[in-house]
Protein backbone atom coordinates (compact mmCIF):
# COMPACT_ATOMS: atom_id res chain seq x y z
CA LYS A 1 70.49 -77.12 54.58
CA PRO A 2 68.63 -74.77 56.88
CA SER A 3 70.56 -71.75 57.56
CA ARG A 4 72.04 -71.21 60.72
CA LEU A 5 72.08 -67.73 60.50
CA PRO A 6 69.77 -65.76 62.88
CA ARG A 7 66.84 -63.99 61.27
CA CYS A 8 67.85 -60.55 62.14
CA HIS A 9 71.44 -61.14 60.51
CA ILE A 10 71.60 -59.61 57.15
CA VAL A 11 74.38 -60.91 54.83
CA PRO A 12 76.73 -58.05 53.28
CA GLY A 13 75.66 -57.36 49.77
CA ARG A 14 72.44 -59.23 50.17
CA GLY A 15 70.53 -57.06 52.24
CA PRO A 16 69.07 -53.33 51.83
CA PRO A 17 72.01 -50.54 51.58
CA PRO A 18 72.57 -49.10 55.21
CA LEU A 19 71.82 -45.63 55.55
CA ALA A 20 73.96 -42.74 55.92
CA LYS A 21 74.96 -42.00 59.54
CA GLY A 22 72.78 -39.04 60.90
CA THR A 23 69.85 -39.37 58.60
CA PHE A 24 66.32 -40.88 58.87
CA GLY A 25 64.93 -42.91 55.87
CA GLY A 26 67.66 -41.41 53.79
CA GLN A 27 66.50 -37.90 54.67
CA PRO A 28 68.20 -35.12 56.62
CA PRO A 29 67.55 -35.06 60.54
CA LEU A 30 64.89 -32.85 61.44
CA ALA A 31 65.18 -30.16 64.67
CA ALA A 32 65.53 -31.80 68.04
CA MET A 33 62.58 -32.09 69.63
CA PRO A 34 61.93 -31.57 73.80
CA ARG A 35 62.28 -34.88 75.60
CA ILE A 36 59.20 -36.23 77.01
CA ARG A 37 58.69 -35.47 80.60
CA THR A 38 57.93 -38.58 82.89
CA LEU A 39 58.29 -39.49 86.33
CA ASN A 40 62.19 -39.51 86.27
CA THR A 41 62.35 -36.30 84.87
CA LYS A 42 64.38 -33.83 87.06
CA LYS A 43 61.77 -31.10 88.40
CA ALA A 44 62.30 -28.01 86.65
CA PRO A 45 63.94 -24.83 88.37
CA GLU A 46 62.13 -21.59 89.76
CA GLY A 47 60.63 -19.60 86.76
CA TRP A 48 59.33 -22.35 84.24
CA GLU A 49 55.93 -21.42 84.90
CA ASP A 50 57.12 -18.15 83.15
CA VAL A 51 58.31 -19.53 80.22
CA ALA A 52 56.51 -22.52 79.62
CA PRO A 53 53.26 -21.26 77.65
CA GLN A 54 55.67 -19.65 75.08
CA LEU A 55 57.42 -22.81 74.88
CA GLU A 56 54.32 -24.66 74.43
CA GLU A 57 53.19 -22.47 71.50
CA PHE A 58 56.59 -23.32 70.03
CA HIS A 59 55.81 -27.00 70.45
CA GLN A 60 52.38 -26.63 69.04
CA GLN A 61 53.80 -25.10 65.76
CA MET A 62 56.54 -27.52 65.54
CA ARG A 63 53.93 -29.99 65.47
CA ASP A 64 51.68 -28.41 62.60
CA ALA A 65 54.74 -27.81 60.78
CA VAL A 66 56.00 -31.22 60.66
CA ASN A 67 52.28 -32.55 59.83
CA GLU A 68 51.49 -29.79 56.87
CA PRO A 69 51.01 -31.52 53.70
CA HIS A 70 53.81 -31.43 51.15
CA GLU A 71 51.92 -31.28 48.04
CA GLY A 72 53.33 -28.82 45.32
CA LYS A 73 56.39 -28.20 47.43
CA ARG A 74 59.86 -29.63 46.60
CA ARG A 75 61.32 -31.77 48.87
CA ASN A 76 63.73 -29.59 50.81
CA GLU A 77 61.03 -26.84 50.99
CA ALA A 78 59.01 -29.52 53.43
CA THR A 79 61.56 -28.76 56.02
CA TRP A 80 61.98 -24.97 55.94
CA GLY A 81 59.21 -24.34 58.40
CA ILE A 82 60.74 -26.99 60.75
CA THR A 83 64.09 -24.78 60.49
CA ARG A 84 62.52 -21.47 61.31
CA ILE A 85 60.67 -22.62 64.40
CA HIS A 86 63.52 -24.51 65.53
CA TYR A 87 65.65 -21.37 65.04
CA GLU A 88 62.68 -19.00 67.04
CA ARG A 89 62.46 -21.30 69.99
CA SER A 90 66.39 -21.19 70.47
CA ARG A 91 66.41 -17.55 70.04
CA TYR A 92 63.84 -16.96 72.65
CA ILE A 93 65.76 -18.79 75.37
CA TYR A 94 68.75 -17.16 74.10
CA GLU A 95 67.50 -13.46 74.46
CA LEU A 96 65.79 -14.78 77.71
CA TYR A 97 69.26 -15.30 79.18
CA TYR A 98 71.83 -13.32 77.42
CA LYS A 99 69.99 -10.30 76.49
CA LYS A 100 66.99 -9.47 78.81
CA LYS A 101 68.69 -11.51 81.84
CA ALA A 102 65.07 -12.60 82.90
CA ILE A 103 66.03 -16.11 83.52
CA SER A 104 68.32 -18.07 86.10
CA LYS A 105 71.69 -20.07 85.06
CA ALA A 106 69.73 -23.10 86.59
CA LEU A 107 66.66 -22.54 84.35
CA TYR A 108 68.84 -22.07 81.11
CA ASP A 109 70.91 -24.92 81.93
CA TRP A 110 67.73 -27.07 82.40
CA LEU A 111 66.15 -25.81 79.03
CA LEU A 112 69.23 -26.92 77.30
CA LEU A 113 69.29 -30.37 78.89
CA GLU A 114 65.60 -31.13 78.08
CA LYS A 115 66.39 -29.86 74.47
CA HIS A 116 64.11 -26.71 74.46
CA ALA A 117 66.91 -24.93 72.99
CA ASP A 118 69.96 -26.01 70.58
CA ALA A 119 72.82 -25.38 72.69
CA SER A 120 75.28 -25.95 69.60
CA LEU A 121 73.64 -23.20 67.86
CA ILE A 122 73.41 -21.12 70.65
CA ALA A 123 77.46 -21.79 71.06
CA LYS A 124 77.73 -20.25 67.20
CA TRP A 125 75.78 -17.11 67.86
CA LYS A 126 78.50 -15.84 70.55
CA LYS A 127 80.99 -15.99 67.95
CA PRO A 128 81.45 -12.90 65.79
CA GLY A 129 79.99 -13.11 62.49
CA PHE A 130 77.49 -15.89 63.31
CA GLU A 131 75.20 -13.48 65.64
CA PHE A 132 71.99 -14.56 63.70
CA LEU A 133 73.43 -17.90 62.44
CA CYS A 134 70.11 -19.66 61.02
CA SER A 135 70.86 -23.12 61.31
CA LEU A 136 74.03 -25.39 61.59
CA GLN A 137 73.24 -26.63 58.29
CA ALA A 138 74.17 -23.28 56.63
CA ILE A 139 77.64 -23.71 57.52
CA ASP A 140 78.08 -27.76 57.09
CA LYS A 141 79.87 -28.06 54.09
CA ARG A 142 79.07 -31.71 53.64
CA ASN A 143 75.84 -30.82 52.61
CA SER A 144 76.78 -28.84 49.63
CA ASN A 145 78.31 -30.47 46.15
CA PHE A 146 81.47 -28.10 46.43
CA GLY A 147 82.19 -28.22 50.21
CA THR A 148 81.15 -24.68 50.68
CA THR A 149 78.82 -22.85 53.01
CA ALA A 150 75.13 -22.05 52.02
CA ILE A 151 74.36 -19.10 50.01
CA CYS A 152 72.62 -17.62 52.90
CA ARG A 153 76.02 -17.14 54.62
CA VAL A 154 77.09 -14.73 51.75
CA PRO A 155 76.35 -11.19 52.40
CA LEU A 156 73.93 -9.41 49.89
CA HIS A 157 76.16 -6.63 48.60
CA LEU A 158 78.82 -9.44 47.39
CA ARG A 159 76.10 -11.47 45.27
CA LYS A 160 75.11 -10.09 41.68
CA PRO A 161 71.89 -8.38 41.34
CA GLY A 162 68.85 -10.95 40.93
CA SER A 163 70.82 -13.76 43.14
CA THR A 164 68.41 -13.20 46.22
CA GLY A 165 66.93 -16.54 46.47
CA PRO A 166 66.28 -18.74 49.68
CA SER A 167 68.90 -21.79 50.52
CA VAL A 168 68.02 -24.81 49.38
CA SER A 169 68.52 -26.67 52.92
CA THR A 170 67.26 -23.92 55.16
CA GLY A 171 64.93 -21.63 53.42
CA CYS A 172 67.06 -18.68 54.73
CA ILE A 173 67.89 -15.39 52.06
CA SER A 174 70.67 -13.94 54.47
CA CYS A 175 71.73 -14.43 58.00
CA ALA A 176 74.95 -12.61 57.44
CA SER A 177 75.67 -10.14 60.31
CA GLN A 178 74.86 -6.61 59.12
CA GLU A 179 71.71 -7.42 57.18
CA ALA A 180 69.81 -10.01 59.54
CA GLY A 181 71.27 -7.44 62.15
CA ARG A 182 69.38 -4.62 60.48
CA LEU A 183 65.72 -6.46 60.60
CA GLY A 184 65.94 -8.22 63.68
CA GLY A 185 66.91 -11.93 62.46
CA PRO A 186 67.68 -13.90 59.39
CA ILE A 187 65.87 -12.95 56.09
CA TRP A 188 63.55 -16.15 55.17
CA TRP A 189 61.59 -17.06 52.41
CA ASP A 190 58.69 -15.56 53.41
CA SER A 191 59.93 -12.54 55.47
CA PRO A 192 58.82 -8.76 54.31
CA ARG A 193 61.83 -7.60 52.81
CA PRO A 194 62.61 -4.67 50.41
CA ALA A 195 62.34 -5.47 46.47
CA ASP A 196 65.92 -5.29 45.54
CA LEU A 197 67.74 -6.53 48.61
CA VAL A 198 71.15 -6.19 46.57
CA GLY A 199 70.76 -2.67 46.00
CA TRP A 200 69.39 -2.27 49.34
CA ALA A 201 72.35 -3.82 51.12
CA LYS A 202 74.90 -1.65 48.54
CA ALA A 203 72.97 1.01 50.14
CA GLY A 204 74.13 0.32 53.73
CA CYS A 205 70.73 -1.47 54.63
CA PRO A 206 68.53 1.37 55.75
CA THR A 207 65.51 0.95 57.88
CA ALA A 208 63.05 3.13 58.84
CA ASP A 209 64.81 3.71 62.01
CA LYS A 210 68.27 3.87 61.10
CA PRO A 211 70.04 5.55 57.98
CA GLY A 212 72.48 3.10 55.45
CA LYS A 213 75.44 2.32 56.76
CA LYS A 214 78.38 4.01 54.93
CA ARG A 215 80.82 1.45 53.06
CA LYS A 216 84.80 1.69 52.53
CA ALA A 217 84.90 2.94 48.83
CA VAL A 218 87.68 1.25 46.73
CA GLU A 219 89.34 3.97 44.52
CA GLU A 220 89.49 3.43 41.05
CA ASP A 221 93.34 3.74 40.72
CA ASP A 222 94.06 1.34 43.87
CA GLU A 223 91.65 -1.22 41.69
CA LEU A 224 93.84 -0.71 38.72
CA GLU A 225 96.95 -1.30 40.33
CA ALA A 226 96.00 -4.52 42.05
CA ARG A 227 94.73 -5.81 38.81
CA ALA A 228 98.12 -4.70 37.07
CA ALA A 229 99.94 -6.64 40.05
CA ALA A 230 97.83 -9.73 39.31
CA LEU A 231 98.47 -9.78 35.39
CA ARG A 232 102.17 -9.04 36.42
CA ARG A 233 102.55 -12.33 38.39
CA VAL A 234 101.05 -14.36 35.47
CA GLY A 235 103.71 -12.89 32.72
CA GLY A 236 103.74 -13.67 29.41
CA ALA A 237 101.17 -11.56 27.07
CA ASP A 238 99.62 -10.46 29.75
CA SER A 239 102.88 -8.15 30.91
CA LYS A 240 101.80 -5.62 28.43
CA GLU A 241 98.43 -5.18 29.54
CA ALA A 242 99.55 -4.85 33.03
CA ALA A 243 101.88 -1.97 31.96
CA GLN A 244 99.07 -0.36 30.25
CA LEU A 245 96.93 -0.41 33.35
CA GLN A 246 99.93 0.68 35.84
CA ALA A 247 100.24 3.69 33.22
CA LEU A 248 96.63 4.54 33.39
CA GLY A 249 96.84 4.29 37.19
CA GLN A 250 99.67 6.72 37.10
CA ALA A 251 97.95 8.97 35.00
CA LEU A 252 95.02 8.88 37.19
CA LYS A 253 97.55 9.97 40.10
CA GLY A 254 98.90 12.69 38.15
CA GLU A 255 95.80 14.38 37.31
CA GLY A 256 94.68 14.41 40.55
CA GLY A 257 97.91 16.04 42.05
CA GLY A 258 98.04 18.36 39.43
CA ALA A 259 94.66 19.39 40.29
CA LYS A 260 95.56 19.52 43.78
CA ALA A 261 98.53 21.58 42.98
CA GLN A 262 96.72 23.85 40.93
CA GLY A 263 94.11 24.32 43.32
CA GLY A 264 96.70 24.77 46.33
CA GLY A 265 97.97 27.65 44.37
CA GLU A 266 94.63 29.45 44.03
CA ASP A 267 94.34 28.68 47.70
CA ALA A 268 97.72 30.32 48.35
CA ALA A 269 96.90 33.41 45.82
CA ALA A 270 93.57 33.97 47.46
CA ASP A 271 95.53 33.64 51.32
CA SER A 272 97.79 36.25 50.17
CA ASP A 273 95.30 38.68 48.88
CA ALA A 274 93.13 38.10 52.05
CA ASP A 275 96.45 39.11 54.09
CA ILE A 276 96.83 42.64 52.63
CA THR A 277 95.04 45.31 54.33
CA GLY A 278 93.04 48.14 52.81
CA ASP A 279 96.01 50.82 53.01
CA GLU A 280 98.62 48.26 51.51
CA LYS A 281 96.22 47.37 48.46
CA GLU A 282 96.00 51.14 47.50
CA GLU A 283 99.57 51.69 47.95
CA ASP A 284 100.24 48.80 45.51
CA ASP A 285 97.77 50.15 43.15
CA GLU A 286 99.56 53.49 43.42
CA GLU A 287 103.17 51.60 42.58
CA ALA A 288 101.52 49.77 39.57
CA GLY A 289 100.04 53.14 37.83
CA LYS A 290 103.32 54.66 38.31
CA GLY A 291 105.36 52.20 36.69
CA ASP A 292 102.65 52.27 33.76
């Protein structure tokens, strides 16, 4: 018998598997492109002529990045350039409105409505710790195997030496606030950067204009006490090691206190000698001679 089902209907289990939500051909969604202007498009507010040339240049760069050949690249590397241009275009509009105050509120809202900037990404930039977030993909925990954010969100001074590769999903090496703030934006895979990024970050991220920012040093005895407390919670065989660490920490504190006390005694003696005038010192010497 001929099938009574319409041709467009796919019987479950017999047709191709459905694509994941929010994907295109099984690939992650690309950056949103500006809307196509038609006769029904709302007229641009005043000031559009000033920003139109730069936005058109971003639009052309995005086209070139999409049409760029992918030979010799990994699959994820093909979208790194698109992610970077998407960030730069949104950052351009963000700084025009919030930093330079060069465009009106009406034009800013219209640009967001027409998808010339990513409103969700800009909303993240307003929050502390996300001032230079490279992409929303970097904080989407669903994209990682272990339910964590991308490696570019980990500050460089907390990483091991050599772990300075770019994020697989975005191509960003670091978009943490301190490192990105010193260089004016995220550190991308092709950005000019110091050879030893981890050492540079631990030194306080010095630049040609600004010295390195000092970080709060953790004293050794405090670290020993913290380790001893952690071992004490575990109990068992680790309690002996905890006692040894606690004794070592107390010894370090005792040495510091003894040295401080000894130094305090020397300072007191120096102060007492300094308070004696010349006449009083001669009288003391004469009395000492009579006693001998």
